[in-house]
N, C-alpha and C. Protein backbone atom coordinates (compact mmCIF):
# COMPACT_ATOMS: atom_id res chain seq x y z
N PRO A 1 -19.52 42.93 -48.76
CA PRO A 1 -18.43 43.75 -48.51
C PRO A 1 -17.20 43.41 -49.15
N GLN A 2 -16.23 44.40 -49.52
CA GLN A 2 -14.90 44.03 -50.13
C GLN A 2 -14.10 45.13 -49.65
N ARG A 3 -12.79 44.91 -49.77
CA ARG A 3 -11.73 45.93 -49.57
C ARG A 3 -11.25 46.33 -51.00
N GLU A 4 -11.25 47.79 -51.03
CA GLU A 4 -10.90 48.30 -52.40
C GLU A 4 -10.11 49.59 -52.19
N VAL A 5 -9.12 49.68 -53.18
CA VAL A 5 -8.02 50.67 -53.27
C VAL A 5 -8.06 51.28 -54.69
N GLU A 6 -7.92 52.50 -54.73
CA GLU A 6 -7.75 53.16 -56.06
C GLU A 6 -6.39 53.66 -56.17
N LEU A 7 -5.65 53.32 -57.26
CA LEU A 7 -4.37 53.83 -57.58
C LEU A 7 -4.48 54.61 -58.82
N VAL A 8 -4.57 55.94 -58.62
CA VAL A 8 -4.85 56.89 -59.67
C VAL A 8 -3.53 56.93 -60.59
N GLU A 9 -2.40 57.23 -59.93
CA GLU A 9 -1.17 57.20 -60.72
C GLU A 9 -0.13 56.86 -59.85
N GLY A 10 1.11 56.30 -60.28
CA GLY A 10 2.05 55.93 -59.53
C GLY A 10 2.32 54.56 -59.39
N GLU A 11 2.77 54.15 -58.32
CA GLU A 11 3.14 52.55 -57.99
C GLU A 11 2.80 52.20 -56.66
N GLY A 12 2.39 50.92 -56.56
CA GLY A 12 2.03 50.50 -55.15
C GLY A 12 2.34 48.91 -55.12
N TYR A 13 2.84 48.60 -54.01
CA TYR A 13 3.17 47.11 -53.85
C TYR A 13 2.31 46.76 -52.53
N PHE A 14 1.60 45.49 -52.82
CA PHE A 14 0.62 45.04 -51.90
C PHE A 14 0.97 43.60 -51.48
N GLU A 15 0.85 43.29 -50.28
CA GLU A 15 0.89 41.87 -49.56
C GLU A 15 -0.52 41.74 -49.02
N ILE A 16 -1.22 40.93 -49.55
CA ILE A 16 -2.60 40.63 -49.16
C ILE A 16 -2.86 39.31 -48.68
N THR A 17 -3.52 39.17 -47.44
CA THR A 17 -3.76 37.75 -46.95
C THR A 17 -5.10 37.34 -47.44
N LYS A 18 -5.17 36.02 -47.92
CA LYS A 18 -6.30 35.54 -48.49
C LYS A 18 -7.55 35.41 -47.59
N GLN A 19 -8.60 36.18 -48.00
CA GLN A 19 -9.92 36.07 -47.21
C GLN A 19 -11.04 36.12 -48.14
N PRO A 20 -11.35 34.90 -48.56
CA PRO A 20 -12.47 34.70 -49.58
C PRO A 20 -13.70 35.53 -49.19
N SER A 21 -14.10 35.71 -48.02
CA SER A 21 -15.32 36.30 -47.68
C SER A 21 -15.20 38.07 -47.83
N LEU A 22 -13.87 38.35 -47.94
CA LEU A 22 -13.60 39.86 -48.00
C LEU A 22 -12.59 40.10 -49.13
N PRO A 23 -13.04 40.10 -50.50
CA PRO A 23 -12.29 40.48 -51.53
C PRO A 23 -11.33 41.71 -51.45
N PHE A 24 -10.32 41.64 -51.97
CA PHE A 24 -9.47 43.05 -52.18
C PHE A 24 -9.33 43.41 -53.53
N ILE A 25 -9.68 44.59 -53.97
CA ILE A 25 -9.59 44.99 -55.46
C ILE A 25 -8.84 46.33 -55.36
N VAL A 26 -7.95 46.28 -56.48
CA VAL A 26 -7.28 47.60 -56.74
C VAL A 26 -7.66 48.05 -58.23
N ARG A 27 -8.14 49.35 -58.09
CA ARG A 27 -8.66 49.98 -59.38
C ARG A 27 -7.52 51.05 -59.86
N THR A 28 -7.16 51.07 -61.23
CA THR A 28 -6.56 52.02 -61.72
C THR A 28 -7.38 52.62 -62.86
N LYS A 29 -7.08 53.70 -63.59
CA LYS A 29 -7.75 54.31 -64.58
C LYS A 29 -8.52 53.52 -65.45
N SER A 30 -7.89 52.27 -66.02
CA SER A 30 -8.45 51.44 -67.05
C SER A 30 -8.36 49.88 -66.74
N GLN A 31 -8.11 49.61 -65.45
CA GLN A 31 -8.09 48.18 -65.13
C GLN A 31 -8.43 47.88 -63.78
N THR A 32 -8.97 46.79 -63.51
CA THR A 32 -9.23 46.25 -62.13
C THR A 32 -8.44 45.05 -61.73
N THR A 33 -7.81 45.06 -60.64
CA THR A 33 -7.09 43.83 -60.28
C THR A 33 -7.83 43.21 -59.12
N GLU A 34 -8.17 42.01 -59.18
CA GLU A 34 -8.86 41.30 -58.13
C GLU A 34 -7.78 40.32 -57.45
N VAL A 35 -7.66 40.57 -56.13
CA VAL A 35 -6.53 39.94 -55.45
C VAL A 35 -7.08 38.52 -54.77
N LEU A 36 -6.31 37.52 -54.93
CA LEU A 36 -6.63 36.20 -54.40
C LEU A 36 -5.75 35.80 -53.25
N GLY A 37 -5.24 36.61 -52.59
CA GLY A 37 -4.05 36.28 -51.47
C GLY A 37 -2.83 36.24 -52.17
N THR A 38 -1.96 37.26 -51.98
CA THR A 38 -0.83 37.35 -52.80
C THR A 38 0.12 38.51 -52.57
N GLU A 39 1.17 38.59 -53.19
CA GLU A 39 2.07 39.89 -53.32
C GLU A 39 2.14 40.27 -54.75
N PHE A 40 2.14 41.55 -54.96
CA PHE A 40 2.06 41.96 -56.28
C PHE A 40 2.35 43.50 -56.30
N ASN A 41 2.70 43.94 -57.45
CA ASN A 41 3.18 45.40 -57.60
C ASN A 41 2.25 45.97 -58.84
N ILE A 42 1.81 47.16 -58.81
CA ILE A 42 1.09 47.77 -59.98
C ILE A 42 1.89 49.08 -60.07
N SER A 43 2.24 49.31 -61.48
CA SER A 43 2.81 50.57 -61.92
C SER A 43 1.80 51.27 -62.91
N ALA A 44 1.39 52.44 -62.51
CA ALA A 44 0.57 53.19 -63.42
C ALA A 44 1.08 54.63 -63.55
N TYR A 45 2.09 54.90 -63.97
CA TYR A 45 2.62 56.22 -64.14
C TYR A 45 2.10 56.87 -65.52
N PRO A 46 1.79 58.07 -65.63
CA PRO A 46 1.19 58.52 -66.82
C PRO A 46 2.16 58.89 -67.83
N ASP A 47 3.44 58.75 -67.50
CA ASP A 47 4.63 58.92 -68.50
C ASP A 47 5.25 57.64 -68.82
N GLU A 48 4.63 56.53 -68.42
CA GLU A 48 4.92 55.19 -68.93
C GLU A 48 4.09 54.66 -69.89
N GLU A 49 4.55 53.80 -70.73
CA GLU A 49 3.65 53.13 -71.60
C GLU A 49 2.86 51.90 -71.00
N GLY A 50 1.62 52.12 -70.67
CA GLY A 50 0.93 51.03 -70.16
C GLY A 50 0.90 50.91 -68.58
N ILE A 51 -0.06 50.21 -68.06
CA ILE A 51 -0.07 49.91 -66.70
C ILE A 51 0.37 48.44 -66.59
N LYS A 52 1.45 48.13 -65.60
CA LYS A 52 2.01 46.88 -65.41
C LYS A 52 1.69 46.57 -64.02
N THR A 53 1.11 45.16 -64.07
CA THR A 53 0.77 44.43 -62.92
C THR A 53 1.87 43.23 -62.75
N THR A 54 2.67 43.18 -61.71
CA THR A 54 3.56 42.12 -61.71
C THR A 54 3.36 41.30 -60.47
N LEU A 55 3.22 39.94 -60.66
CA LEU A 55 2.91 39.02 -59.57
C LEU A 55 4.07 38.30 -58.95
N VAL A 56 4.40 38.52 -57.63
CA VAL A 56 5.47 37.96 -57.03
C VAL A 56 4.94 36.64 -56.47
N SER A 57 3.88 36.43 -55.58
CA SER A 57 3.29 35.23 -55.25
C SER A 57 1.74 35.10 -55.13
N GLY A 58 1.22 33.77 -55.17
CA GLY A 58 -0.05 33.76 -55.20
C GLY A 58 -0.71 33.97 -56.53
N SER A 59 -1.85 34.62 -56.63
CA SER A 59 -2.54 34.90 -57.87
C SER A 59 -3.32 36.00 -57.70
N VAL A 60 -3.40 36.71 -59.11
CA VAL A 60 -4.32 37.92 -59.11
C VAL A 60 -5.16 37.86 -60.54
N ARG A 61 -6.17 38.39 -60.64
CA ARG A 61 -6.98 38.36 -61.88
C ARG A 61 -6.95 39.86 -62.33
N VAL A 62 -6.46 40.16 -63.51
CA VAL A 62 -6.30 41.59 -63.98
C VAL A 62 -7.43 41.58 -65.04
N ASN A 63 -8.40 42.64 -64.91
CA ASN A 63 -9.38 42.93 -65.88
C ASN A 63 -9.22 44.17 -66.62
N ARG A 64 -9.19 44.25 -67.91
CA ARG A 64 -9.25 45.38 -68.69
C ARG A 64 -10.58 45.96 -68.53
N GLU A 65 -10.69 47.10 -67.99
CA GLU A 65 -12.19 47.80 -68.11
C GLU A 65 -12.30 48.48 -69.32
N ASN A 66 -13.53 48.41 -69.70
CA ASN A 66 -13.84 49.33 -70.91
C ASN A 66 -14.01 50.75 -70.35
N PRO A 67 -13.16 51.46 -70.80
CA PRO A 67 -13.22 53.01 -70.37
C PRO A 67 -14.42 53.70 -70.78
N ASN A 68 -15.08 53.30 -72.00
CA ASN A 68 -16.18 53.85 -72.32
C ASN A 68 -17.29 52.66 -72.54
N GLN A 69 -18.26 52.80 -71.62
CA GLN A 69 -19.16 51.73 -71.65
C GLN A 69 -19.97 51.75 -73.11
N TRP A 70 -19.98 52.77 -73.73
CA TRP A 70 -20.69 52.78 -75.00
C TRP A 70 -19.90 52.32 -76.18
N ASP A 71 -18.67 51.95 -76.05
CA ASP A 71 -17.66 51.71 -77.12
C ASP A 71 -17.78 50.10 -77.09
N GLN A 72 -18.70 49.64 -78.24
CA GLN A 72 -18.87 48.29 -78.31
C GLN A 72 -17.77 47.46 -79.05
N GLY A 73 -16.98 48.25 -79.68
CA GLY A 73 -15.87 47.47 -80.34
C GLY A 73 -14.75 46.90 -79.41
N VAL A 74 -14.75 47.35 -78.21
CA VAL A 74 -13.80 46.91 -77.38
C VAL A 74 -14.40 45.98 -76.25
N GLN A 75 -14.06 44.68 -76.30
CA GLN A 75 -14.59 43.61 -75.31
C GLN A 75 -13.84 43.67 -74.18
N LYS A 76 -14.54 43.40 -72.80
CA LYS A 76 -13.81 43.09 -71.62
C LYS A 76 -12.95 41.99 -71.70
N GLN A 77 -11.78 42.13 -70.93
CA GLN A 77 -10.70 41.15 -71.15
C GLN A 77 -10.11 40.92 -69.80
N ASP A 78 -9.80 39.65 -69.35
CA ASP A 78 -9.11 39.33 -68.19
C ASP A 78 -8.14 38.27 -68.27
N VAL A 79 -7.19 38.33 -67.37
CA VAL A 79 -6.05 37.27 -67.29
C VAL A 79 -5.81 36.86 -65.85
N LEU A 80 -5.57 35.77 -65.66
CA LEU A 80 -5.08 35.16 -64.24
C LEU A 80 -3.46 35.00 -64.41
N LEU A 81 -2.89 35.81 -63.47
CA LEU A 81 -1.45 35.69 -63.48
C LEU A 81 -0.89 34.74 -62.46
N THR A 82 0.24 33.96 -62.86
CA THR A 82 1.03 33.15 -61.96
C THR A 82 2.26 33.95 -61.52
N PRO A 83 2.99 33.44 -60.37
CA PRO A 83 4.02 34.18 -59.95
C PRO A 83 5.19 34.16 -60.97
N GLY A 84 5.77 35.46 -61.17
CA GLY A 84 6.82 35.75 -62.20
C GLY A 84 6.19 36.13 -63.49
N GLU A 85 4.89 36.40 -63.72
CA GLU A 85 4.25 37.03 -64.83
C GLU A 85 4.04 38.38 -64.49
N GLN A 86 3.70 39.12 -65.67
CA GLN A 86 3.43 40.40 -65.65
C GLN A 86 2.45 40.71 -66.65
N ALA A 87 1.29 41.54 -66.26
CA ALA A 87 0.35 41.86 -67.39
C ALA A 87 0.45 43.24 -67.64
N THR A 88 0.60 43.64 -68.97
CA THR A 88 0.82 44.97 -69.52
C THR A 88 -0.42 45.42 -70.05
N LEU A 89 -1.21 46.51 -69.80
CA LEU A 89 -2.23 47.16 -70.41
C LEU A 89 -1.89 48.21 -71.17
N THR A 90 -1.90 48.10 -72.48
CA THR A 90 -1.66 49.13 -73.49
C THR A 90 -2.76 49.18 -74.56
N ASP A 91 -3.13 50.44 -74.86
CA ASP A 91 -4.08 50.49 -75.85
C ASP A 91 -5.26 49.50 -75.88
N HIS A 92 -5.83 49.34 -74.71
CA HIS A 92 -7.02 48.44 -74.46
C HIS A 92 -6.66 46.94 -74.61
N VAL A 93 -5.40 46.56 -74.55
CA VAL A 93 -5.13 45.09 -74.68
C VAL A 93 -4.29 44.61 -73.65
N LEU A 94 -4.47 43.65 -72.96
CA LEU A 94 -3.65 43.01 -71.92
C LEU A 94 -2.78 41.98 -72.51
N GLN A 95 -1.50 42.09 -72.27
CA GLN A 95 -0.56 41.16 -72.76
C GLN A 95 0.18 40.60 -71.39
N VAL A 96 0.51 39.24 -71.42
CA VAL A 96 1.13 38.67 -70.37
C VAL A 96 2.51 38.15 -70.73
N ASN A 97 3.62 38.46 -69.94
CA ASN A 97 4.78 38.02 -70.25
C ASN A 97 5.71 37.65 -68.82
N ARG A 98 6.64 36.62 -68.89
CA ARG A 98 7.42 36.31 -67.78
C ARG A 98 8.46 37.46 -67.63
N VAL A 99 8.79 37.92 -66.40
CA VAL A 99 9.58 38.93 -66.07
C VAL A 99 10.46 38.62 -64.96
N ASN A 100 11.61 39.46 -64.70
CA ASN A 100 12.36 39.33 -63.66
C ASN A 100 11.76 40.22 -62.52
N ILE A 101 11.21 39.65 -61.57
CA ILE A 101 10.50 40.25 -60.55
C ILE A 101 11.39 41.25 -59.89
N GLU A 102 12.48 41.10 -59.52
CA GLU A 102 13.47 42.03 -58.83
C GLU A 102 13.41 43.41 -59.49
N ALA A 103 13.35 43.51 -60.97
CA ALA A 103 13.18 44.67 -61.52
C ALA A 103 12.01 45.54 -61.22
N TYR A 104 11.03 45.03 -60.82
CA TYR A 104 9.76 45.60 -60.54
C TYR A 104 9.47 45.87 -59.11
N ILE A 105 10.15 45.32 -58.26
CA ILE A 105 9.86 45.41 -56.68
C ILE A 105 11.21 46.00 -55.96
N ALA A 106 12.33 46.19 -56.77
CA ALA A 106 13.44 46.70 -56.12
C ALA A 106 13.23 48.04 -55.33
N TRP A 107 12.31 48.87 -55.80
CA TRP A 107 11.94 50.24 -55.12
C TRP A 107 11.61 50.02 -53.85
N LYS A 108 10.79 48.92 -53.60
CA LYS A 108 10.06 48.83 -52.17
C LYS A 108 11.20 48.38 -51.28
N ASN A 109 12.40 47.75 -51.72
CA ASN A 109 13.48 47.40 -50.77
C ASN A 109 14.45 48.39 -50.82
N GLY A 110 14.35 49.59 -51.57
CA GLY A 110 15.14 50.64 -51.27
C GLY A 110 16.11 50.78 -52.34
N TYR A 111 15.93 50.29 -53.60
CA TYR A 111 16.96 50.13 -54.64
C TYR A 111 16.38 50.86 -55.96
N PHE A 112 17.25 51.43 -56.68
CA PHE A 112 17.10 51.68 -58.20
C PHE A 112 17.56 50.44 -58.90
N TYR A 113 16.95 49.87 -59.78
CA TYR A 113 17.27 48.55 -60.41
C TYR A 113 17.41 48.70 -61.80
N PHE A 114 18.49 48.47 -62.55
CA PHE A 114 18.54 48.80 -64.01
C PHE A 114 19.09 47.47 -64.63
N ASN A 115 18.30 46.86 -65.46
CA ASN A 115 18.81 45.71 -66.45
C ASN A 115 18.60 46.24 -67.71
N GLU A 116 19.72 46.58 -68.35
CA GLU A 116 19.69 47.09 -69.82
C GLU A 116 18.63 48.34 -70.05
N ALA A 117 18.82 49.08 -69.09
CA ALA A 117 17.86 50.25 -69.08
C ALA A 117 18.59 51.46 -69.97
N ASP A 118 17.87 52.12 -70.79
CA ASP A 118 18.61 53.22 -71.54
C ASP A 118 18.41 54.54 -70.60
N ILE A 119 19.19 55.53 -70.99
CA ILE A 119 19.48 56.64 -70.22
C ILE A 119 18.16 57.41 -69.71
N GLN A 120 17.15 57.39 -70.73
CA GLN A 120 15.72 57.90 -70.56
C GLN A 120 15.14 57.10 -69.25
N ASP A 121 15.25 55.73 -69.32
CA ASP A 121 14.67 55.05 -68.19
C ASP A 121 15.26 55.28 -66.81
N VAL A 122 16.64 55.34 -66.89
CA VAL A 122 17.39 55.72 -65.64
C VAL A 122 17.04 57.02 -65.10
N LEU A 123 16.80 58.09 -65.97
CA LEU A 123 16.59 59.24 -65.53
C LEU A 123 15.13 59.61 -65.26
N LYS A 124 14.33 58.70 -65.72
CA LYS A 124 12.73 58.96 -65.33
C LYS A 124 12.74 58.51 -63.98
N GLN A 125 13.38 57.45 -63.48
CA GLN A 125 13.32 57.08 -62.13
C GLN A 125 14.00 58.23 -61.22
N PHE A 126 15.15 58.61 -61.66
CA PHE A 126 15.75 59.66 -60.80
C PHE A 126 14.78 60.95 -60.74
N SER A 127 14.24 61.31 -61.80
CA SER A 127 13.49 62.53 -61.88
C SER A 127 12.25 62.42 -60.90
N ARG A 128 11.73 61.17 -60.74
CA ARG A 128 10.56 61.01 -59.75
C ARG A 128 11.04 60.98 -58.45
N TRP A 129 12.10 60.32 -58.09
CA TRP A 129 12.57 60.19 -56.67
C TRP A 129 13.40 61.48 -56.25
N TYR A 130 14.07 62.07 -56.99
CA TYR A 130 14.84 63.21 -56.49
C TYR A 130 13.97 64.54 -56.88
N ASP A 131 12.92 64.50 -57.49
CA ASP A 131 11.98 65.65 -57.87
C ASP A 131 12.85 66.69 -58.75
N ILE A 132 13.36 66.25 -59.84
CA ILE A 132 14.04 66.95 -60.72
C ILE A 132 13.44 66.95 -62.15
N ASP A 133 13.76 67.96 -63.04
CA ASP A 133 13.27 67.94 -64.30
C ASP A 133 14.43 67.51 -65.25
N VAL A 134 14.25 66.84 -66.25
CA VAL A 134 15.25 66.39 -67.14
C VAL A 134 15.04 66.83 -68.59
N ARG A 135 16.10 67.50 -69.16
CA ARG A 135 15.95 67.89 -70.51
C ARG A 135 17.17 67.16 -71.29
N TYR A 136 16.96 66.66 -72.44
CA TYR A 136 17.99 65.94 -73.27
C TYR A 136 18.42 66.97 -74.38
N ASP A 137 19.65 67.39 -74.33
CA ASP A 137 20.35 68.00 -75.47
C ASP A 137 21.13 67.05 -76.32
N MET A 138 20.57 65.99 -76.60
CA MET A 138 21.26 65.05 -77.30
C MET A 138 20.32 64.10 -77.97
N GLY A 139 20.97 63.41 -79.05
CA GLY A 139 20.05 62.27 -79.72
C GLY A 139 19.93 61.19 -78.96
N LEU A 140 19.26 60.13 -79.52
CA LEU A 140 19.19 58.80 -78.88
C LEU A 140 20.52 58.11 -78.72
N SER A 141 20.66 57.31 -77.57
CA SER A 141 21.89 56.69 -77.45
C SER A 141 21.53 55.19 -77.18
N ASP A 142 22.33 54.39 -77.75
CA ASP A 142 22.11 52.87 -77.53
C ASP A 142 22.76 52.34 -76.24
N ASP A 143 23.42 53.32 -75.43
CA ASP A 143 23.96 52.77 -74.06
C ASP A 143 23.00 52.26 -73.31
N LEU A 144 23.35 51.14 -72.64
CA LEU A 144 22.42 50.49 -71.73
C LEU A 144 23.13 50.33 -70.32
N PHE A 145 22.29 50.52 -69.39
CA PHE A 145 22.80 50.46 -67.77
C PHE A 145 22.33 49.25 -67.18
N VAL A 146 23.17 48.59 -66.37
CA VAL A 146 22.77 47.57 -65.50
C VAL A 146 23.41 47.77 -64.25
N GLY A 147 22.66 47.58 -63.18
CA GLY A 147 23.18 47.71 -61.86
C GLY A 147 21.92 48.05 -61.01
N LYS A 148 22.40 48.26 -59.68
CA LYS A 148 21.56 48.55 -58.57
C LYS A 148 22.16 49.49 -57.68
N ILE A 149 21.44 50.60 -57.47
CA ILE A 149 21.86 51.69 -56.66
C ILE A 149 20.86 52.04 -55.47
N PRO A 150 21.35 52.10 -54.26
CA PRO A 150 20.65 52.30 -53.05
C PRO A 150 19.82 53.78 -53.20
N ARG A 151 18.50 53.81 -52.85
CA ARG A 151 17.73 55.06 -53.12
C ARG A 151 18.01 56.02 -51.98
N ASN A 152 18.80 55.63 -51.04
CA ASN A 152 19.14 56.49 -49.81
C ASN A 152 20.42 57.31 -50.06
N VAL A 153 20.90 57.27 -51.42
CA VAL A 153 22.15 58.10 -51.69
C VAL A 153 21.67 59.55 -52.24
N SER A 154 22.50 60.48 -52.14
CA SER A 154 22.13 61.77 -52.52
C SER A 154 21.99 61.82 -54.00
N LEU A 155 21.37 62.99 -54.46
CA LEU A 155 21.27 63.08 -55.96
C LEU A 155 22.62 63.34 -56.55
N ALA A 156 23.54 63.91 -55.88
CA ALA A 156 24.98 64.18 -56.33
C ALA A 156 25.67 62.68 -56.43
N THR A 157 25.43 61.88 -55.47
CA THR A 157 26.00 60.38 -55.63
C THR A 157 25.43 59.80 -56.86
N ALA A 158 24.22 59.74 -56.97
CA ALA A 158 23.60 58.99 -58.04
C ALA A 158 24.04 59.68 -59.25
N LEU A 159 24.18 60.78 -59.59
CA LEU A 159 24.65 61.54 -60.70
C LEU A 159 26.17 61.09 -61.03
N ASN A 160 26.87 60.99 -59.90
CA ASN A 160 28.47 60.64 -60.15
C ASN A 160 28.48 59.26 -60.68
N VAL A 161 27.38 58.37 -60.24
CA VAL A 161 27.39 57.03 -60.85
C VAL A 161 27.26 57.17 -62.41
N LEU A 162 26.41 58.00 -62.83
CA LEU A 162 26.08 58.19 -64.25
C LEU A 162 27.33 58.84 -64.96
N LYS A 163 27.99 59.82 -64.23
CA LYS A 163 29.25 60.36 -64.83
C LYS A 163 30.42 59.46 -64.97
N SER A 164 30.46 58.50 -64.04
CA SER A 164 31.47 57.51 -64.18
C SER A 164 31.32 56.47 -65.38
N ALA A 165 30.07 56.29 -65.73
CA ALA A 165 29.63 55.61 -66.80
C ALA A 165 29.68 56.36 -68.06
N GLY A 166 30.16 57.62 -68.18
CA GLY A 166 30.35 58.34 -69.29
C GLY A 166 29.23 59.23 -69.65
N VAL A 167 28.26 59.38 -68.82
CA VAL A 167 27.08 60.44 -69.16
C VAL A 167 27.43 61.88 -68.87
N SER A 168 27.38 62.69 -69.78
CA SER A 168 27.67 64.23 -69.74
C SER A 168 26.41 64.70 -69.25
N PHE A 169 26.40 65.70 -68.26
CA PHE A 169 25.32 66.56 -67.86
C PHE A 169 25.71 67.77 -67.06
N GLU A 170 24.56 68.63 -66.93
CA GLU A 170 24.75 69.87 -66.05
C GLU A 170 23.60 69.99 -65.35
N LEU A 171 23.71 70.08 -63.91
CA LEU A 171 22.57 70.37 -63.08
C LEU A 171 22.45 71.94 -62.76
N LYS A 172 21.32 72.54 -63.17
CA LYS A 172 21.23 73.92 -63.14
C LYS A 172 19.99 74.16 -62.04
N GLY A 173 20.57 75.01 -61.09
CA GLY A 173 19.54 75.38 -60.07
C GLY A 173 19.14 74.33 -59.13
N GLY A 174 19.87 73.25 -59.27
CA GLY A 174 19.41 72.00 -58.31
C GLY A 174 18.19 71.35 -58.73
N LYS A 175 17.50 71.70 -59.70
CA LYS A 175 16.25 71.16 -60.14
C LYS A 175 16.09 70.75 -61.67
N LEU A 176 17.14 71.22 -62.50
CA LEU A 176 16.90 70.95 -63.94
C LEU A 176 18.28 70.38 -64.44
N LEU A 177 18.12 69.06 -64.76
CA LEU A 177 19.36 68.25 -65.25
C LEU A 177 19.32 68.25 -66.96
N GLU A 178 20.32 68.90 -67.55
CA GLU A 178 20.57 68.88 -68.87
C GLU A 178 21.61 67.82 -69.26
N VAL A 179 20.99 66.69 -70.03
CA VAL A 179 21.91 65.73 -70.43
C VAL A 179 22.50 66.12 -71.82
N LYS A 180 23.78 65.98 -71.98
CA LYS A 180 24.38 66.49 -73.17
C LYS A 180 25.06 65.29 -73.86
N SER A 181 25.32 65.54 -75.32
CA SER A 181 25.91 64.57 -76.02
C SER A 181 27.39 64.26 -75.52
N ARG A 182 27.98 63.14 -75.70
CA ARG A 182 29.31 62.83 -75.41
C ARG A 182 30.26 63.64 -76.42
N LYS A 183 31.23 64.03 -75.80
CA LYS A 183 32.09 65.02 -76.67
C LYS A 183 33.24 64.13 -77.24
């Protein structure tokens, strides 16, 4: 017997008590995470590059699953994470890096957290949380945002934070945010 959860898309935070006789498994579209008594976050959004598994405490084993069992060119790969590490699965390759855990678990504590995030990353989080669409009527910007905003603020308040940082935009019909070039 085992405990098993499937995370089709989105993000999940897990606090799992170690029970060797009852393994806990989290499956996404292309990876399996075996939990060994831990706290961790998995981010598997379709509009993000890769699946990110961030370990807070304990340990987890992340397995890259071969999405096509007939594809003999791609071998199964797994990594064992230690606290503060993140496994990122992109293009059938698992890479491990040390990360600032707060950036990946702030959402569960009720915050947006930005550490040198570009406007697209900031608005991607806003669009998910406030259920708005975003359109860019501007070129790429090298402006980076740093800070923490409570998630319980209204969309208007969150957008006022961007406005005070010099972002120009127009909200149409309460659902479409058009981001414009600075004048």
